[in-house]
Amino acid sequence: MERRLHTRHRARTAVYVSIPGRRGGKLCRARNLSVNGVFIETQDLGLKKGTTVQLAFAINLGVVTKIHRRTAIVAHVSNGGTGLMMESLTGTR
């Protein structure tokens, strides 16, 4: 049974993941995206469930491309990647 509140959409965008307290970041590929979450293909970044990360990604809206910056929390880590729950624009999840 699907428990998501928002529909996931296939994504074709790169997501730059920054981990507070660590130097640099990692460019990853988004597999799917929803209003409040994203699943990114990752190698082992050493992320654990509950870790807070910073995301930056571009969404192409036709003639306009918007850059989004969000704070997210690691929801799960699997062999294929990492599921991240993004904080909403109001600062709540």
C-alpha atoms as a PDB file:
ATOM      1  CA  MET A   1       0.000   0.000   0.000  1.00  0.00           C
ATOM      2  CA  GLU A   2       1.360   3.407  -1.023  1.00  0.00           C
ATOM      3  CA  ARG A   3       1.674   5.814   1.933  1.00  0.00           C
ATOM      4  CA  ARG A   4       2.914   8.869   0.053  1.00  0.00           C
ATOM      5  CA  LEU A   5       0.916  12.079   0.180  1.00  0.00           C
ATOM      6  CA  HIS A   6       2.339  13.386  -3.106  1.00  0.00           C
ATOM      7  CA  THR A   7       2.881  11.651  -6.422  1.00  0.00           C
ATOM      8  CA  ARG A   8       6.437  10.796  -7.392  1.00  0.00           C
ATOM      9  CA  HIS A   9       7.599  11.851 -10.845  1.00  0.00           C
ATOM     10  CA  ARG A  10      10.547  10.547 -12.801  1.00  0.00           C
ATOM     11  CA  ALA A  11      13.348  13.053 -12.568  1.00  0.00           C
ATOM     12  CA  ARG A  12      16.105  13.883 -15.006  1.00  0.00           C
ATOM     13  CA  THR A  13      18.122  16.285 -12.984  1.00  0.00           C
ATOM     14  CA  ALA A  14      21.332  16.358 -11.034  1.00  0.00           C
ATOM     15  CA  VAL A  15      21.193  17.057  -7.303  1.00  0.00           C
ATOM     16  CA  TYR A  16      24.135  18.555  -5.463  1.00  0.00           C
ATOM     17  CA  VAL A  17      24.230  17.147  -1.921  1.00  0.00           C
ATOM     18  CA  SER A  18      26.128  19.007   0.807  1.00  0.00           C
ATOM     19  CA  ILE A  19      26.591  17.480   4.214  1.00  0.00           C
ATOM     20  CA  PRO A  20      27.002  20.019   7.034  1.00  0.00           C
ATOM     21  CA  GLY A  21      30.344  19.613   8.767  1.00  0.00           C
ATOM     22  CA  ARG A  22      31.930  17.949   5.742  1.00  0.00           C
ATOM     23  CA  ARG A  23      34.038  19.647   3.142  1.00  0.00           C
ATOM     24  CA  GLY A  24      32.674  19.787  -0.391  1.00  0.00           C
ATOM     25  CA  GLY A  25      29.637  17.943  -1.652  1.00  0.00           C
ATOM     26  CA  LYS A  26      28.590  15.320  -4.160  1.00  0.00           C
ATOM     27  CA  LEU A  27      26.745  15.592  -7.458  1.00  0.00           C
ATOM     28  CA  CYS A  28      24.126  12.822  -7.726  1.00  0.00           C
ATOM     29  CA  ARG A  29      21.393  11.902 -10.172  1.00  0.00           C
ATOM     30  CA  ALA A  30      17.752  12.112  -9.076  1.00  0.00           C
ATOM     31  CA  ARG A  31      15.689   9.053  -9.946  1.00  0.00           C
ATOM     32  CA  ASN A  32      12.330  10.438  -8.832  1.00  0.00           C
ATOM     33  CA  LEU A  33      11.002  13.579  -7.227  1.00  0.00           C
ATOM     34  CA  SER A  34       7.848  14.671  -5.411  1.00  0.00           C
ATOM     35  CA  VAL A  35       6.753  17.808  -3.591  1.00  0.00           C
ATOM     36  CA  ASN A  36       8.419  16.688  -0.381  1.00  0.00           C
ATOM     37  CA  GLY A  37      10.926  14.024  -1.338  1.00  0.00           C
ATOM     38  CA  VAL A  38      13.587  12.881  -3.751  1.00  0.00           C
ATOM     39  CA  PHE A  39      15.355   9.582  -4.367  1.00  0.00           C
ATOM     40  CA  ILE A  40      18.933  10.020  -5.548  1.00  0.00           C
ATOM     41  CA  GLU A  41      21.321   7.467  -6.970  1.00  0.00           C
ATOM     42  CA  THR A  42      24.347   7.457  -4.703  1.00  0.00           C
ATOM     43  CA  GLN A  43      27.496   5.596  -4.016  1.00  0.00           C
ATOM     44  CA  ASP A  44      28.217   5.140  -0.339  1.00  0.00           C
ATOM     45  CA  LEU A  45      28.199   8.691   1.029  1.00  0.00           C
ATOM     46  CA  GLY A  46      28.239   7.439   4.601  1.00  0.00           C
ATOM     47  CA  LEU A  47      24.788   8.896   5.230  1.00  0.00           C
ATOM     48  CA  LYS A  48      22.631   7.473   7.966  1.00  0.00           C
ATOM     49  CA  LYS A  49      18.891   7.744   8.492  1.00  0.00           C
ATOM     50  CA  GLY A  50      18.062  11.053  10.170  1.00  0.00           C
ATOM     51  CA  THR A  51      21.105  12.934   8.815  1.00  0.00           C
ATOM     52  CA  THR A  52      20.341  16.483   7.650  1.00  0.00           C
ATOM     53  CA  VAL A  53      21.738  17.498   4.245  1.00  0.00           C
ATOM     54  CA  GLN A  54      21.507  20.519   1.946  1.00  0.00           C
ATOM     55  CA  LEU A  55      20.271  20.015  -1.641  1.00  0.00           C
ATOM     56  CA  ALA A  56      20.562  22.164  -4.742  1.00  0.00           C
ATOM     57  CA  PHE A  57      18.924  21.148  -8.028  1.00  0.00           C
ATOM     58  CA  ALA A  58      17.519  22.677 -11.202  1.00  0.00           C
ATOM     59  CA  ILE A  59      14.007  22.126 -12.529  1.00  0.00           C
ATOM     60  CA  ASN A  60      13.448  22.979 -16.190  1.00  0.00           C
ATOM     61  CA  LEU A  61      10.067  24.652 -16.698  1.00  0.00           C
ATOM     62  CA  GLY A  62      10.342  25.124 -20.458  1.00  0.00           C
ATOM     63  CA  VAL A  63      11.746  28.581 -21.116  1.00  0.00           C
ATOM     64  CA  VAL A  64      12.708  29.022 -17.452  1.00  0.00           C
ATOM     65  CA  THR A  65      14.963  26.903 -15.269  1.00  0.00           C
ATOM     66  CA  LYS A  66      14.506  27.290 -11.512  1.00  0.00           C
ATOM     67  CA  ILE A  67      17.255  26.495  -9.033  1.00  0.00           C
ATOM     68  CA  HIS A  68      15.874  24.993  -5.824  1.00  0.00           C
ATOM     69  CA  ARG A  69      17.768  24.831  -2.542  1.00  0.00           C
ATOM     70  CA  ARG A  70      16.274  22.686   0.178  1.00  0.00           C
ATOM     71  CA  THR A  71      17.177  21.164   3.502  1.00  0.00           C
ATOM     72  CA  ALA A  72      16.405  17.447   3.610  1.00  0.00           C
ATOM     73  CA  ILE A  73      16.609  14.560   6.027  1.00  0.00           C
ATOM     74  CA  VAL A  74      17.775  11.085   5.045  1.00  0.00           C
ATOM     75  CA  ALA A  75      14.667   8.863   5.172  1.00  0.00           C
ATOM     76  CA  HIS A  76      16.352   5.636   4.039  1.00  0.00           C
ATOM     77  CA  VAL A  77      19.518   4.313   2.428  1.00  0.00           C
ATOM     78  CA  SER A  78      19.540   1.304   0.093  1.00  0.00           C
ATOM     79  CA  ASN A  79      21.929  -0.302  -2.376  1.00  0.00           C
ATOM     80  CA  GLY A  80      20.483   1.806  -5.184  1.00  0.00           C
ATOM     81  CA  GLY A  81      20.533   5.165  -3.486  1.00  0.00           C
ATOM     82  CA  THR A  82      19.181   7.432  -0.812  1.00  0.00           C
ATOM     83  CA  GLY A  83      15.638   8.615  -0.103  1.00  0.00           C
ATOM     84  CA  LEU A  84      15.477  12.177   1.190  1.00  0.00           C
ATOM     85  CA  MET A  85      12.535  13.968   2.772  1.00  0.00           C
ATOM     86  CA  MET A  86      12.687  17.681   2.008  1.00  0.00           C
ATOM     87  CA  GLU A  87      11.537  20.356   4.384  1.00  0.00           C
ATOM     88  CA  SER A  88       8.752  22.471   2.956  1.00  0.00           C
ATOM     89  CA  LEU A  89       9.152  26.133   2.131  1.00  0.00           C
ATOM     90  CA  THR A  90       7.534  27.006   5.461  1.00  0.00           C
ATOM     91  CA  GLY A  91      10.236  25.124   7.350  1.00  0.00           C
ATOM     92  CA  THR A  92       8.089  22.152   8.386  1.00  0.00           C
ATOM     93  CA  ARG A  93       8.146  18.659   6.978  1.00  0.00           C
END
